[in-house]
């Protein structure tokens, strides 16, 4: 199934790229391909007690895909203001398509290394969102 068709089924818009300035510790926005998510979840399953945090969630593709597929709580951390706004818009339209799913969705604007890990956060997703320096700080927090 195409990227656009998957997005349409979820009621979201996640296609496209967005670059940061060249001197940034953050990598460009580029959504994880749905095909990769489908492949991952043929081998890996989420439990109802899991709570996913996506660092550098972008427009929220992974969040909404996992929320829809596994109906678990998800949190997305995004530091680019325009991209964060797009994720908020996607949450609004997604919720209209996924009315029967009660698990919470939390979108947080800010730097990944400043996110306070909650005791229930037990699954963490990264799709090349930032430099090794930032990644090390996030791993220490986890």
N, C-alpha and C. Protein backbone atom coordinates (compact mmCIF):
# COMPACT_ATOMS: atom_id res chain seq x y z
N UNK A 1 0.85 -1.17 0.00
CA UNK A 1 0.00 0.00 0.00
C UNK A 1 0.90 1.24 0.00
N UNK A 2 0.49 2.28 -0.70
CA UNK A 2 1.32 3.48 -0.83
C UNK A 2 1.35 4.29 0.47
N UNK A 3 2.35 5.16 0.56
CA UNK A 3 2.49 6.05 1.73
C UNK A 3 1.25 6.94 1.86
N UNK A 4 0.81 7.49 0.76
CA UNK A 4 -0.36 8.38 0.78
C UNK A 4 -1.61 7.65 1.22
N UNK A 5 -1.76 6.42 0.77
CA UNK A 5 -2.94 5.64 1.13
C UNK A 5 -2.94 5.30 2.62
N UNK A 6 -1.77 4.94 3.15
CA UNK A 6 -1.67 4.68 4.59
C UNK A 6 -2.03 5.95 5.38
N UNK A 7 -1.44 7.07 4.97
CA UNK A 7 -1.76 8.33 5.64
C UNK A 7 -3.26 8.60 5.61
N UNK A 8 -3.87 8.39 4.46
CA UNK A 8 -5.30 8.66 4.32
C UNK A 8 -6.13 7.76 5.25
N UNK A 9 -5.75 6.49 5.36
CA UNK A 9 -6.46 5.58 6.25
C UNK A 9 -6.40 6.05 7.71
N UNK A 10 -5.26 6.65 8.10
CA UNK A 10 -5.10 7.15 9.47
C UNK A 10 -5.61 8.58 9.63
N UNK A 11 -5.90 9.24 8.52
CA UNK A 11 -6.37 10.62 8.58
C UNK A 11 -5.26 11.61 8.88
N UNK A 12 -4.04 11.31 8.44
CA UNK A 12 -2.90 12.17 8.74
C UNK A 12 -2.15 12.55 7.46
N UNK A 13 -1.23 13.51 7.59
CA UNK A 13 -0.36 13.92 6.49
C UNK A 13 1.07 13.93 7.01
N UNK A 14 1.86 12.97 6.55
CA UNK A 14 3.23 12.85 7.06
C UNK A 14 4.28 12.78 5.96
N UNK A 15 3.87 12.87 4.72
CA UNK A 15 4.80 12.73 3.61
C UNK A 15 5.59 14.03 3.41
N UNK A 16 6.84 13.89 3.04
CA UNK A 16 7.67 15.05 2.75
C UNK A 16 8.89 15.11 3.63
N UNK A 17 9.76 16.05 3.34
CA UNK A 17 11.01 16.25 4.07
C UNK A 17 11.03 17.67 4.63
N UNK A 18 11.80 17.86 5.69
CA UNK A 18 12.03 19.21 6.22
C UNK A 18 13.42 19.22 6.81
N UNK A 19 14.25 20.13 6.31
CA UNK A 19 15.62 20.25 6.79
C UNK A 19 15.74 21.25 7.92
N UNK A 20 16.70 20.99 8.78
CA UNK A 20 17.12 21.94 9.80
C UNK A 20 18.29 22.73 9.21
N UNK A 21 18.69 23.81 9.86
CA UNK A 21 19.91 24.51 9.40
C UNK A 21 21.10 23.55 9.42
N UNK A 22 22.07 23.81 8.55
CA UNK A 22 23.23 22.92 8.40
C UNK A 22 24.02 22.70 9.69
N UNK A 23 24.04 23.68 10.57
CA UNK A 23 24.84 23.56 11.79
C UNK A 23 24.07 22.96 12.96
N UNK A 24 22.93 22.38 12.70
CA UNK A 24 22.07 21.85 13.74
C UNK A 24 22.48 20.45 14.17
N UNK A 25 22.19 20.11 15.41
CA UNK A 25 22.36 18.75 15.92
C UNK A 25 21.20 17.85 15.52
N UNK A 26 20.23 18.41 14.82
CA UNK A 26 19.04 17.65 14.46
C UNK A 26 19.04 17.34 12.98
N UNK A 27 18.62 16.13 12.64
CA UNK A 27 18.56 15.69 11.26
C UNK A 27 17.22 16.06 10.65
N UNK A 28 17.15 16.03 9.34
CA UNK A 28 15.93 16.43 8.66
C UNK A 28 14.76 15.54 9.04
N UNK A 29 13.56 16.10 8.89
CA UNK A 29 12.35 15.30 9.07
C UNK A 29 12.18 14.42 7.84
N UNK A 30 12.01 13.16 8.11
CA UNK A 30 11.73 12.17 7.08
C UNK A 30 11.03 11.02 7.78
N UNK A 31 9.79 10.78 7.43
CA UNK A 31 9.00 9.77 8.13
C UNK A 31 9.51 8.36 7.86
N UNK A 32 9.41 7.51 8.87
CA UNK A 32 9.71 6.10 8.70
C UNK A 32 8.74 5.52 7.67
N UNK A 33 9.23 4.81 6.67
CA UNK A 33 8.32 4.21 5.67
C UNK A 33 7.35 3.23 6.33
N UNK A 34 6.11 3.26 5.90
CA UNK A 34 5.11 2.32 6.42
C UNK A 34 5.55 0.88 6.19
N UNK A 35 6.20 0.64 5.08
CA UNK A 35 6.67 -0.72 4.78
C UNK A 35 7.64 -1.20 5.87
N UNK A 36 8.49 -0.31 6.35
CA UNK A 36 9.43 -0.66 7.42
C UNK A 36 8.67 -0.94 8.72
N UNK A 37 7.64 -0.15 9.00
CA UNK A 37 6.83 -0.38 10.21
C UNK A 37 6.11 -1.73 10.13
N UNK A 38 5.55 -2.02 8.98
CA UNK A 38 4.87 -3.30 8.81
C UNK A 38 5.85 -4.46 9.00
N UNK A 39 7.03 -4.33 8.44
CA UNK A 39 8.05 -5.37 8.59
C UNK A 39 8.46 -5.52 10.05
N UNK A 40 8.73 -4.41 10.72
CA UNK A 40 9.11 -4.45 12.14
C UNK A 40 8.07 -5.19 12.96
N UNK A 41 6.81 -4.88 12.74
CA UNK A 41 5.77 -5.46 13.58
C UNK A 41 5.28 -6.84 13.12
N UNK A 42 5.92 -7.42 12.13
CA UNK A 42 5.71 -8.84 11.88
C UNK A 42 6.59 -9.65 12.83
N UNK A 43 7.62 -9.00 13.38
CA UNK A 43 8.56 -9.68 14.28
C UNK A 43 8.49 -9.19 15.72
N UNK A 44 7.93 -8.03 15.93
CA UNK A 44 7.91 -7.40 17.24
C UNK A 44 6.49 -6.99 17.56
N UNK A 45 6.03 -7.28 18.76
CA UNK A 45 4.67 -6.93 19.13
C UNK A 45 4.70 -6.00 20.34
N UNK A 46 3.68 -5.23 20.48
CA UNK A 46 3.52 -4.35 21.62
C UNK A 46 2.43 -4.94 22.51
N UNK A 47 2.63 -4.83 23.81
CA UNK A 47 1.66 -5.33 24.78
C UNK A 47 0.77 -4.18 25.26
N UNK A 48 -0.39 -4.51 25.81
CA UNK A 48 -1.31 -3.46 26.27
C UNK A 48 -0.73 -2.63 27.42
N UNK A 49 0.30 -3.14 28.09
CA UNK A 49 0.94 -2.41 29.18
C UNK A 49 2.10 -1.53 28.70
N UNK A 50 2.43 -1.59 27.41
CA UNK A 50 3.53 -0.79 26.88
C UNK A 50 3.11 0.67 26.70
N UNK A 51 4.11 1.52 26.76
CA UNK A 51 3.93 2.95 26.53
C UNK A 51 5.12 3.42 25.69
N UNK A 52 4.86 3.85 24.48
CA UNK A 52 5.90 4.20 23.52
C UNK A 52 6.22 5.69 23.57
N UNK A 53 7.52 6.00 23.51
CA UNK A 53 7.97 7.38 23.33
C UNK A 53 8.77 7.43 22.03
N UNK A 54 8.37 8.34 21.14
CA UNK A 54 9.06 8.54 19.86
C UNK A 54 9.82 9.86 19.95
N UNK A 55 11.15 9.76 20.00
CA UNK A 55 12.00 10.94 20.08
C UNK A 55 12.24 11.48 18.67
N UNK A 56 11.86 12.73 18.45
CA UNK A 56 11.93 13.30 17.11
C UNK A 56 10.78 12.77 16.29
N UNK A 57 9.58 12.87 16.83
CA UNK A 57 8.41 12.21 16.23
C UNK A 57 7.96 12.85 14.92
N UNK A 58 8.48 14.02 14.60
CA UNK A 58 8.07 14.66 13.36
C UNK A 58 6.58 14.93 13.33
N UNK A 59 5.96 14.55 12.25
CA UNK A 59 4.52 14.78 12.07
C UNK A 59 3.68 13.68 12.73
N UNK A 60 4.35 12.68 13.32
CA UNK A 60 3.64 11.69 14.12
C UNK A 60 3.31 10.37 13.47
N UNK A 61 3.87 10.07 12.33
CA UNK A 61 3.51 8.84 11.63
C UNK A 61 3.62 7.60 12.52
N UNK A 62 4.76 7.42 13.17
CA UNK A 62 4.97 6.23 14.01
C UNK A 62 3.98 6.22 15.17
N UNK A 63 3.76 7.36 15.78
CA UNK A 63 2.81 7.45 16.90
C UNK A 63 1.43 6.97 16.51
N UNK A 64 0.92 7.52 15.42
CA UNK A 64 -0.45 7.20 15.03
C UNK A 64 -0.57 5.77 14.50
N UNK A 65 0.45 5.31 13.82
CA UNK A 65 0.46 3.93 13.34
C UNK A 65 0.41 2.96 14.52
N UNK A 66 1.28 3.15 15.50
CA UNK A 66 1.33 2.25 16.66
C UNK A 66 0.09 2.40 17.52
N UNK A 67 -0.36 3.61 17.72
CA UNK A 67 -1.59 3.84 18.50
C UNK A 67 -2.76 3.11 17.85
N UNK A 68 -2.85 3.18 16.56
CA UNK A 68 -3.94 2.55 15.83
C UNK A 68 -3.82 1.03 15.83
N UNK A 69 -2.62 0.55 15.63
CA UNK A 69 -2.42 -0.90 15.52
C UNK A 69 -2.50 -1.62 16.87
N UNK A 70 -1.91 -1.01 17.91
CA UNK A 70 -1.81 -1.69 19.21
C UNK A 70 -2.68 -1.06 20.29
N UNK A 71 -3.22 0.11 20.04
CA UNK A 71 -4.09 0.80 20.98
C UNK A 71 -3.43 0.98 22.34
N UNK A 72 -2.19 1.46 22.32
CA UNK A 72 -1.45 1.72 23.55
C UNK A 72 -1.14 3.21 23.66
N UNK A 73 -0.81 3.69 24.86
CA UNK A 73 -0.42 5.10 25.00
C UNK A 73 0.87 5.40 24.25
N UNK A 74 0.91 6.57 23.62
CA UNK A 74 2.09 7.00 22.87
C UNK A 74 2.40 8.45 23.22
N UNK A 75 3.70 8.75 23.20
CA UNK A 75 4.16 10.12 23.42
C UNK A 75 5.15 10.46 22.32
N UNK A 76 5.00 11.63 21.74
CA UNK A 76 5.93 12.11 20.73
C UNK A 76 6.61 13.38 21.19
N UNK A 77 7.91 13.45 21.00
CA UNK A 77 8.71 14.62 21.35
C UNK A 77 9.21 15.23 20.04
N UNK A 78 8.93 16.51 19.83
CA UNK A 78 9.35 17.18 18.60
C UNK A 78 9.85 18.58 18.94
N UNK A 79 11.00 18.96 18.35
CA UNK A 79 11.63 20.24 18.65
C UNK A 79 11.48 21.29 17.54
N UNK A 80 11.00 20.90 16.38
CA UNK A 80 10.82 21.86 15.28
C UNK A 80 9.40 22.41 15.37
N UNK A 81 9.26 23.72 15.55
CA UNK A 81 7.95 24.30 15.81
C UNK A 81 6.93 24.07 14.70
N UNK A 82 7.31 24.20 13.46
CA UNK A 82 6.37 23.99 12.35
C UNK A 82 5.96 22.51 12.28
N UNK A 83 6.93 21.63 12.41
CA UNK A 83 6.65 20.20 12.36
C UNK A 83 5.77 19.78 13.54
N UNK A 84 6.04 20.34 14.70
CA UNK A 84 5.21 20.07 15.88
C UNK A 84 3.75 20.50 15.61
N UNK A 85 3.57 21.65 15.02
CA UNK A 85 2.22 22.10 14.68
C UNK A 85 1.52 21.15 13.73
N UNK A 86 2.27 20.60 12.80
CA UNK A 86 1.70 19.61 11.88
C UNK A 86 1.31 18.34 12.61
N UNK A 87 2.10 17.94 13.60
CA UNK A 87 1.75 16.76 14.41
C UNK A 87 0.47 17.01 15.20
N UNK A 88 0.32 18.20 15.74
CA UNK A 88 -0.91 18.56 16.48
C UNK A 88 -2.12 18.48 15.55
N UNK A 89 -1.98 19.02 14.34
CA UNK A 89 -3.07 18.93 13.36
C UNK A 89 -3.38 17.49 13.01
N UNK A 90 -2.34 16.67 12.87
CA UNK A 90 -2.54 15.25 12.57
C UNK A 90 -3.26 14.54 13.70
N UNK A 91 -2.93 14.89 14.94
CA UNK A 91 -3.63 14.27 16.07
C UNK A 91 -5.12 14.57 16.00
N UNK A 92 -5.45 15.79 15.69
CA UNK A 92 -6.85 16.20 15.60
C UNK A 92 -7.59 15.38 14.54
N UNK A 93 -7.02 15.29 13.34
CA UNK A 93 -7.71 14.55 12.27
C UNK A 93 -7.68 13.05 12.51
N UNK A 94 -6.59 12.54 13.10
CA UNK A 94 -6.51 11.12 13.41
C UNK A 94 -7.59 10.72 14.42
N UNK A 95 -7.77 11.54 15.45
CA UNK A 95 -8.77 11.23 16.49
C UNK A 95 -10.18 11.10 15.91
N UNK A 96 -10.47 11.79 14.84
CA UNK A 96 -11.78 11.66 14.20
C UNK A 96 -11.93 10.31 13.52
N UNK A 97 -10.82 9.74 13.04
CA UNK A 97 -10.85 8.42 12.39
C UNK A 97 -10.78 7.30 13.43
N UNK A 98 -10.16 7.55 14.57
CA UNK A 98 -9.90 6.51 15.57
C UNK A 98 -10.70 6.77 16.85
N UNK A 99 -11.96 7.08 16.71
CA UNK A 99 -12.80 7.45 17.85
C UNK A 99 -12.89 6.37 18.91
N UNK A 100 -12.80 5.11 18.53
CA UNK A 100 -12.97 4.02 19.48
C UNK A 100 -11.72 3.66 20.27
N UNK A 101 -10.60 4.32 20.00
CA UNK A 101 -9.35 4.01 20.70
C UNK A 101 -9.16 5.02 21.82
N UNK A 102 -9.18 4.53 23.05
CA UNK A 102 -9.12 5.42 24.20
C UNK A 102 -7.72 5.68 24.74
N UNK A 103 -6.74 4.93 24.30
CA UNK A 103 -5.37 5.12 24.80
C UNK A 103 -4.92 6.55 24.51
N UNK A 104 -4.22 7.18 25.45
CA UNK A 104 -3.82 8.58 25.25
C UNK A 104 -2.71 8.76 24.22
N UNK A 105 -2.73 9.95 23.64
CA UNK A 105 -1.66 10.42 22.75
C UNK A 105 -1.16 11.72 23.36
N UNK A 106 0.14 11.80 23.60
CA UNK A 106 0.74 13.01 24.15
C UNK A 106 1.77 13.52 23.16
N UNK A 107 1.64 14.77 22.78
CA UNK A 107 2.64 15.41 21.93
C UNK A 107 3.30 16.51 22.76
N UNK A 108 4.62 16.47 22.81
CA UNK A 108 5.40 17.42 23.60
C UNK A 108 6.33 18.20 22.69
N UNK A 109 6.30 19.52 22.85
CA UNK A 109 7.22 20.37 22.10
C UNK A 109 8.45 20.59 22.96
N UNK A 110 9.61 20.26 22.42
CA UNK A 110 10.84 20.49 23.15
C UNK A 110 11.95 19.57 22.69
N UNK A 111 13.06 19.73 23.36
CA UNK A 111 14.26 18.95 23.02
C UNK A 111 14.19 17.57 23.67
N UNK A 112 14.58 16.58 22.91
CA UNK A 112 14.52 15.18 23.38
C UNK A 112 15.30 14.98 24.67
N UNK A 113 16.46 15.61 24.78
CA UNK A 113 17.31 15.42 25.96
C UNK A 113 16.71 16.06 27.21
N UNK A 114 15.66 16.87 27.06
CA UNK A 114 15.01 17.48 28.22
C UNK A 114 13.74 16.75 28.65
N UNK A 115 13.33 15.76 27.88
CA UNK A 115 12.13 15.00 28.24
C UNK A 115 12.41 14.14 29.47
N UNK A 116 11.53 14.24 30.45
CA UNK A 116 11.66 13.43 31.66
C UNK A 116 10.96 12.09 31.43
N UNK A 117 11.73 11.03 31.50
CA UNK A 117 11.18 9.68 31.30
C UNK A 117 10.24 9.36 32.45
N UNK A 118 9.06 8.90 32.12
CA UNK A 118 8.08 8.51 33.14
C UNK A 118 8.23 7.02 33.44
N UNK A 119 7.83 6.60 34.64
CA UNK A 119 7.97 5.18 34.99
C UNK A 119 7.27 4.24 34.02
N UNK A 120 6.17 4.67 33.43
CA UNK A 120 5.43 3.81 32.50
C UNK A 120 6.03 3.77 31.10
N UNK A 121 6.90 4.71 30.77
CA UNK A 121 7.56 4.71 29.45
C UNK A 121 8.52 3.53 29.37
N UNK A 122 8.23 2.59 28.46
CA UNK A 122 9.08 1.40 28.40
C UNK A 122 9.49 0.99 26.98
N UNK A 123 9.03 1.71 25.97
CA UNK A 123 9.43 1.46 24.58
C UNK A 123 9.85 2.80 23.98
N UNK A 124 10.98 2.80 23.31
CA UNK A 124 11.54 4.05 22.80
C UNK A 124 11.88 3.88 21.33
N UNK A 125 11.49 4.88 20.54
CA UNK A 125 11.68 4.80 19.10
C UNK A 125 12.50 6.00 18.63
N UNK A 126 13.48 5.70 17.77
CA UNK A 126 14.33 6.71 17.16
C UNK A 126 14.45 6.39 15.67
N UNK A 127 14.27 7.38 14.83
CA UNK A 127 14.53 7.20 13.40
C UNK A 127 15.50 8.28 12.97
N UNK A 128 16.74 8.17 13.43
CA UNK A 128 17.82 9.08 13.08
C UNK A 128 17.45 10.55 13.30
N UNK A 129 16.91 10.89 14.48
CA UNK A 129 16.42 12.26 14.66
C UNK A 129 17.47 13.31 14.99
N UNK A 130 18.62 12.89 15.56
CA UNK A 130 19.58 13.89 16.00
C UNK A 130 20.98 13.31 16.08
N UNK A 131 21.93 14.17 16.43
CA UNK A 131 23.34 13.79 16.47
C UNK A 131 23.63 12.78 17.58
N UNK A 132 24.80 12.18 17.48
CA UNK A 132 25.24 11.23 18.49
C UNK A 132 25.33 11.90 19.86
N UNK A 133 25.74 13.15 19.89
CA UNK A 133 25.87 13.89 21.15
C UNK A 133 24.51 13.97 21.86
N UNK A 134 23.47 14.31 21.14
CA UNK A 134 22.12 14.38 21.71
C UNK A 134 21.63 12.98 22.06
N UNK A 135 21.87 12.03 21.19
CA UNK A 135 21.44 10.65 21.41
C UNK A 135 22.00 10.11 22.73
N UNK A 136 23.27 10.37 23.01
CA UNK A 136 23.88 9.92 24.26
C UNK A 136 23.16 10.51 25.48
N UNK A 137 22.78 11.77 25.40
CA UNK A 137 22.07 12.41 26.51
C UNK A 137 20.71 11.77 26.73
N UNK A 138 20.02 11.47 25.65
CA UNK A 138 18.70 10.83 25.76
C UNK A 138 18.85 9.43 26.36
N UNK A 139 19.84 8.68 25.92
CA UNK A 139 20.04 7.33 26.46
C UNK A 139 20.36 7.38 27.95
N UNK A 140 21.15 8.35 28.39
CA UNK A 140 21.43 8.50 29.82
C UNK A 140 20.13 8.76 30.58
N UNK A 141 19.24 9.58 30.02
CA UNK A 141 17.94 9.86 30.67
C UNK A 141 17.11 8.60 30.78
N UNK A 142 17.14 7.79 29.76
CA UNK A 142 16.37 6.54 29.78
C UNK A 142 16.93 5.61 30.84
